[in-house]
């Protein structure tokens, strides 16, 4: 999944490792989701999502690229977001996503 430091901090090596990973762009806020076929909503569950999170999508298949124009986040809550999209029978509308905030 993703790496976090202990609530009271870590030792110098742990902190350096996490900071160095962040400097290399590894911010532990990404995932993958596939839109449900023949449905107009898909629930995205991720413990990093909150009511004020921004969720960005990158299509990773041709069918996902075609679905991008109709995809939007219609609701956000604690650890969940509702994705609204067009309904069709394609089963490979797969996106990588990033959660910010």
Protein backbone atom coordinates (compact mmCIF):
# COMPACT_ATOMS: atom_id res chain seq x y z
CA UNK A 1 0.00 0.00 0.00
CA UNK A 2 1.75 3.18 1.13
CA UNK A 3 4.27 4.11 3.78
CA UNK A 4 3.65 6.37 6.78
CA UNK A 5 5.83 7.38 9.68
CA UNK A 6 4.72 6.54 13.24
CA UNK A 7 2.50 9.26 14.83
CA UNK A 8 5.34 10.45 17.09
CA UNK A 9 7.90 10.42 14.28
CA UNK A 10 10.50 7.90 13.30
CA UNK A 11 14.22 7.55 13.71
CA UNK A 12 16.50 9.64 11.51
CA UNK A 13 16.86 6.86 8.93
CA UNK A 14 13.09 6.40 8.56
CA UNK A 15 12.52 10.14 8.20
CA UNK A 16 15.34 10.47 5.65
CA UNK A 17 13.96 7.55 3.62
CA UNK A 18 10.45 9.03 3.49
CA UNK A 19 11.70 12.54 2.66
CA UNK A 20 14.02 11.21 -0.06
CA UNK A 21 11.16 9.22 -1.59
CA UNK A 22 8.99 12.37 -1.59
CA UNK A 23 11.76 14.34 -3.30
CA UNK A 24 11.79 11.63 -5.99
CA UNK A 25 8.04 12.11 -6.56
CA UNK A 26 6.94 9.09 -4.53
CA UNK A 27 4.26 10.79 -2.44
CA UNK A 28 2.15 7.70 -1.70
CA UNK A 29 -1.10 9.24 -2.90
CA UNK A 30 -1.87 7.22 -6.03
CA UNK A 31 -3.99 4.22 -6.94
CA UNK A 32 -5.86 2.48 -9.75
CA UNK A 33 -9.60 2.23 -10.40
CA UNK A 34 -11.66 0.55 -13.13
CA UNK A 35 -15.10 1.96 -13.91
CA UNK A 36 -17.97 -0.52 -13.61
CA UNK A 37 -19.40 -1.74 -16.91
CA UNK A 38 -23.08 -1.06 -17.67
CA UNK A 39 -23.34 1.28 -14.65
CA UNK A 40 -23.30 5.06 -14.24
CA UNK A 41 -21.42 5.17 -10.93
CA UNK A 42 -18.35 3.54 -9.43
CA UNK A 43 -17.37 3.79 -5.77
CA UNK A 44 -13.71 4.55 -5.15
CA UNK A 45 -12.57 3.49 -1.68
CA UNK A 46 -9.22 4.76 -0.42
CA UNK A 47 -8.34 5.65 3.17
CA UNK A 48 -6.60 8.82 1.96
CA UNK A 49 -9.82 10.36 0.56
CA UNK A 50 -11.59 13.02 2.61
CA UNK A 51 -14.50 15.38 2.03
CA UNK A 52 -12.15 18.09 0.68
CA UNK A 53 -9.80 15.87 -1.34
CA UNK A 54 -9.00 16.60 -4.96
CA UNK A 55 -8.90 13.44 -7.08
CA UNK A 56 -7.13 13.53 -10.45
CA UNK A 57 -7.44 10.81 -13.12
CA UNK A 58 -5.14 9.51 -15.86
CA UNK A 59 -6.60 6.99 -18.33
CA UNK A 60 -4.42 3.91 -18.83
CA UNK A 61 -6.46 2.19 -21.57
CA UNK A 62 -7.95 3.40 -24.84
CA UNK A 63 -11.49 2.89 -23.53
CA UNK A 64 -10.66 4.89 -20.41
CA UNK A 65 -9.37 7.73 -22.58
CA UNK A 66 -12.70 7.75 -24.36
CA UNK A 67 -14.60 7.76 -21.06
CA UNK A 68 -12.60 10.60 -19.52
CA UNK A 69 -14.86 13.35 -20.87
CA UNK A 70 -17.87 11.97 -18.97
CA UNK A 71 -16.05 11.08 -15.72
CA UNK A 72 -16.47 13.27 -12.65
CA UNK A 73 -16.46 12.98 -8.86
CA UNK A 74 -20.06 13.48 -7.77
CA UNK A 75 -19.55 12.92 -4.02
CA UNK A 76 -16.70 12.65 -1.50
CA UNK A 77 -16.67 11.42 2.06
CA UNK A 78 -14.40 9.82 4.60
CA UNK A 79 -12.35 7.24 2.65
CA UNK A 80 -14.75 7.15 -0.32
CA UNK A 81 -15.70 8.96 -3.50
CA UNK A 82 -18.51 8.38 -5.98
CA UNK A 83 -17.41 8.52 -9.61
CA UNK A 84 -20.16 9.28 -12.12
CA UNK A 85 -19.65 8.28 -15.74
CA UNK A 86 -21.40 7.15 -18.91
CA UNK A 87 -22.75 3.61 -19.00
CA UNK A 88 -21.49 1.11 -21.58
CA UNK A 89 -20.36 -2.52 -21.67
CA UNK A 90 -16.62 -1.85 -21.80
CA UNK A 91 -14.83 -3.58 -18.91
CA UNK A 92 -11.38 -2.01 -19.29
CA UNK A 93 -11.98 1.66 -18.45
CA UNK A 94 -9.01 1.76 -16.09
CA UNK A 95 -7.52 4.92 -14.59
CA UNK A 96 -4.61 5.70 -12.33
CA UNK A 97 -5.57 8.38 -9.82
CA UNK A 98 -3.97 10.78 -7.39
CA UNK A 99 -5.53 12.00 -4.12
CA UNK A 100 -4.47 15.45 -2.92
CA UNK A 101 -5.57 16.76 0.45
